[in-house]
């Protein structure tokens, strides 16, 4: 291959990533530019285009940064292949849940019941897992 480097704009076009995505991926340690100028300009090698395409594809499949990092580690040989099996199974479960949610929405829309459509947010509950967090409370007596 050639020793020429690609500016971030050209790299973004080739990988179909937004201009901000390579910066974000660099911040997260997924895609470090081949050269970074003191001015902040980033340059990527042609060999990094395949890694950019992989990150774009994984992002399009709905994988988060941690999952993408684990998959890249397996591809680069830094980790065992068995690490990604639970990640893929979890993603499949998420997709199945989303498909069921969309099927419920489709059924409501097909009924053509305007009242139900306007009140759809109450018909389809959404459960969201959040990470454990500390909560601060203050007890006080009021008048």
Protein backbone atom coordinates (compact mmCIF):
# COMPACT_ATOMS: atom_id res chain seq x y z
CA UNK A 1 0.00 0.00 0.00
CA UNK A 2 0.97 3.59 -0.21
CA UNK A 3 2.40 5.71 2.59
CA UNK A 4 -0.06 8.50 1.87
CA UNK A 5 -2.40 9.50 4.66
CA UNK A 6 -6.02 10.51 4.46
CA UNK A 7 -7.37 13.66 6.07
CA UNK A 8 -10.34 13.12 8.37
CA UNK A 9 -12.80 14.34 5.71
CA UNK A 10 -11.61 11.87 3.09
CA UNK A 11 -11.45 9.12 5.70
CA UNK A 12 -15.03 9.88 6.72
CA UNK A 13 -16.24 9.69 3.13
CA UNK A 14 -14.52 6.34 2.52
CA UNK A 15 -15.77 4.78 5.77
CA UNK A 16 -19.22 6.41 5.68
CA UNK A 17 -18.60 7.73 9.21
CA UNK A 18 -19.61 11.23 10.20
CA UNK A 19 -16.76 13.70 10.63
CA UNK A 20 -17.26 13.55 14.41
CA UNK A 21 -17.22 9.74 14.62
CA UNK A 22 -13.44 9.29 14.10
CA UNK A 23 -12.78 11.86 16.84
CA UNK A 24 -15.20 10.10 19.18
CA UNK A 25 -13.71 6.69 18.36
CA UNK A 26 -10.24 8.09 19.04
CA UNK A 27 -11.41 9.42 22.40
CA UNK A 28 -12.75 5.95 23.27
CA UNK A 29 -9.56 4.24 22.07
CA UNK A 30 -11.14 2.41 19.14
CA UNK A 31 -9.53 4.20 16.20
CA UNK A 32 -6.32 6.12 16.79
CA UNK A 33 -5.18 8.19 13.80
CA UNK A 34 -1.91 7.25 12.13
CA UNK A 35 -0.72 10.82 12.63
CA UNK A 36 -2.05 13.74 14.62
CA UNK A 37 -0.67 17.20 14.03
CA UNK A 38 -0.04 19.71 16.80
CA UNK A 39 -2.87 21.73 15.25
CA UNK A 40 -5.26 18.84 15.95
CA UNK A 41 -5.57 17.68 12.33
CA UNK A 42 -5.90 13.91 12.14
CA UNK A 43 -4.61 11.71 9.34
CA UNK A 44 -5.46 8.06 8.77
CA UNK A 45 -3.71 5.36 6.77
CA UNK A 46 -5.42 3.40 4.02
CA UNK A 47 -5.10 0.30 6.23
CA UNK A 48 -7.34 1.99 8.82
CA UNK A 49 -10.22 2.32 6.34
CA UNK A 50 -11.23 -1.31 6.96
CA UNK A 51 -11.28 -0.68 10.71
CA UNK A 52 -13.42 2.43 10.16
CA UNK A 53 -15.82 0.43 8.00
CA UNK A 54 -16.02 -2.23 10.71
CA UNK A 55 -16.85 0.36 13.37
CA UNK A 56 -19.48 1.91 11.11
CA UNK A 57 -21.04 -1.52 10.50
CA UNK A 58 -21.03 -2.43 14.21
CA UNK A 59 -22.55 0.92 15.12
CA UNK A 60 -25.25 0.39 12.49
CA UNK A 61 -26.06 -2.98 14.08
CA UNK A 62 -26.65 -1.19 17.37
CA UNK A 63 -23.53 -2.17 19.30
CA UNK A 64 -22.28 0.27 21.93
CA UNK A 65 -18.70 1.40 22.48
CA UNK A 66 -17.87 -1.33 25.02
CA UNK A 67 -19.27 -4.04 22.77
CA UNK A 68 -17.41 -2.67 19.76
CA UNK A 69 -14.18 -2.59 21.78
CA UNK A 70 -14.63 -6.26 22.74
CA UNK A 71 -15.32 -7.26 19.13
CA UNK A 72 -12.31 -5.29 17.84
CA UNK A 73 -10.14 -6.95 20.50
CA UNK A 74 -11.23 -10.38 19.24
CA UNK A 75 -10.55 -9.42 15.62
CA UNK A 76 -7.12 -8.04 16.53
CA UNK A 77 -6.32 -11.21 18.49
CA UNK A 78 -6.11 -9.53 21.90
CA UNK A 79 -9.06 -11.50 23.25
CA UNK A 80 -10.70 -14.91 22.93
CA UNK A 81 -13.60 -15.37 20.51
CA UNK A 82 -15.85 -16.67 23.31
CA UNK A 83 -15.99 -13.13 24.72
CA UNK A 84 -18.30 -11.90 21.95
CA UNK A 85 -20.87 -14.73 22.15
CA UNK A 86 -22.74 -13.19 25.14
CA UNK A 87 -22.50 -9.75 23.52
CA UNK A 88 -24.15 -10.99 20.33
CA UNK A 89 -26.80 -12.94 22.28
CA UNK A 90 -27.67 -9.80 24.27
CA UNK A 91 -27.93 -7.78 21.05
CA UNK A 92 -30.23 -10.44 19.55
CA UNK A 93 -32.45 -10.23 22.65
CA UNK A 94 -32.56 -6.42 22.34
CA UNK A 95 -33.53 -6.67 18.67
CA UNK A 96 -36.26 -9.22 19.45
CA UNK A 97 -37.67 -6.89 22.10
CA UNK A 98 -37.65 -3.98 19.68
CA UNK A 99 -39.38 -6.09 17.00
CA UNK A 100 -42.12 -7.04 19.49
CA UNK A 101 -42.55 -3.39 20.43
CA UNK A 102 -42.85 -2.41 16.76
CA UNK A 103 -45.35 -5.22 16.14
CA UNK A 104 -47.51 -3.81 18.94
CA UNK A 105 -47.35 -0.36 17.36
CA UNK A 106 -48.23 -1.81 13.94
CA UNK A 107 -51.30 -3.57 15.38
CA UNK A 108 -52.54 -0.36 16.98
CA UNK A 109 -52.03 1.58 13.75
CA UNK A 110 -53.79 -1.05 11.65
CA UNK A 111 -56.93 -0.76 13.79
CA UNK A 112 -57.33 2.84 12.54
CA UNK A 113 -58.73 3.78 15.96
CA UNK A 114 -57.82 7.45 16.37
CA UNK A 115 -58.44 7.46 20.14
CA UNK A 116 -56.11 4.51 20.67
CA UNK A 117 -53.44 6.01 18.42
CA UNK A 118 -53.51 9.26 20.39
CA UNK A 119 -53.30 7.31 23.67
CA UNK A 120 -50.69 4.81 22.41
CA UNK A 121 -48.02 5.84 24.91
CA UNK A 122 -50.09 4.28 27.70
CA UNK A 123 -50.70 1.06 25.79
CA UNK A 124 -47.07 0.15 25.10
CA UNK A 125 -44.97 0.29 28.26
CA UNK A 126 -41.25 0.59 27.88
CA UNK A 127 -38.89 -0.90 30.44
CA UNK A 128 -35.46 0.69 30.62
CA UNK A 129 -32.53 -0.68 32.60
CA UNK A 130 -30.40 1.94 34.25
CA UNK A 131 -27.05 1.49 35.92
CA UNK A 132 -26.94 1.48 39.72
CA UNK A 133 -26.42 4.94 41.14
CA UNK A 134 -26.06 6.64 44.48
CA UNK A 135 -29.03 8.66 45.63
CA UNK A 136 -28.84 11.43 48.21
CA UNK A 137 -31.89 12.27 50.26
CA UNK A 138 -32.62 14.74 53.02
CA UNK A 139 -35.23 14.33 55.69
CA UNK A 140 -36.94 17.37 56.98
CA UNK A 141 -40.09 18.26 58.85
CA UNK A 142 -42.37 20.80 57.36
CA UNK A 143 -44.94 23.06 58.93
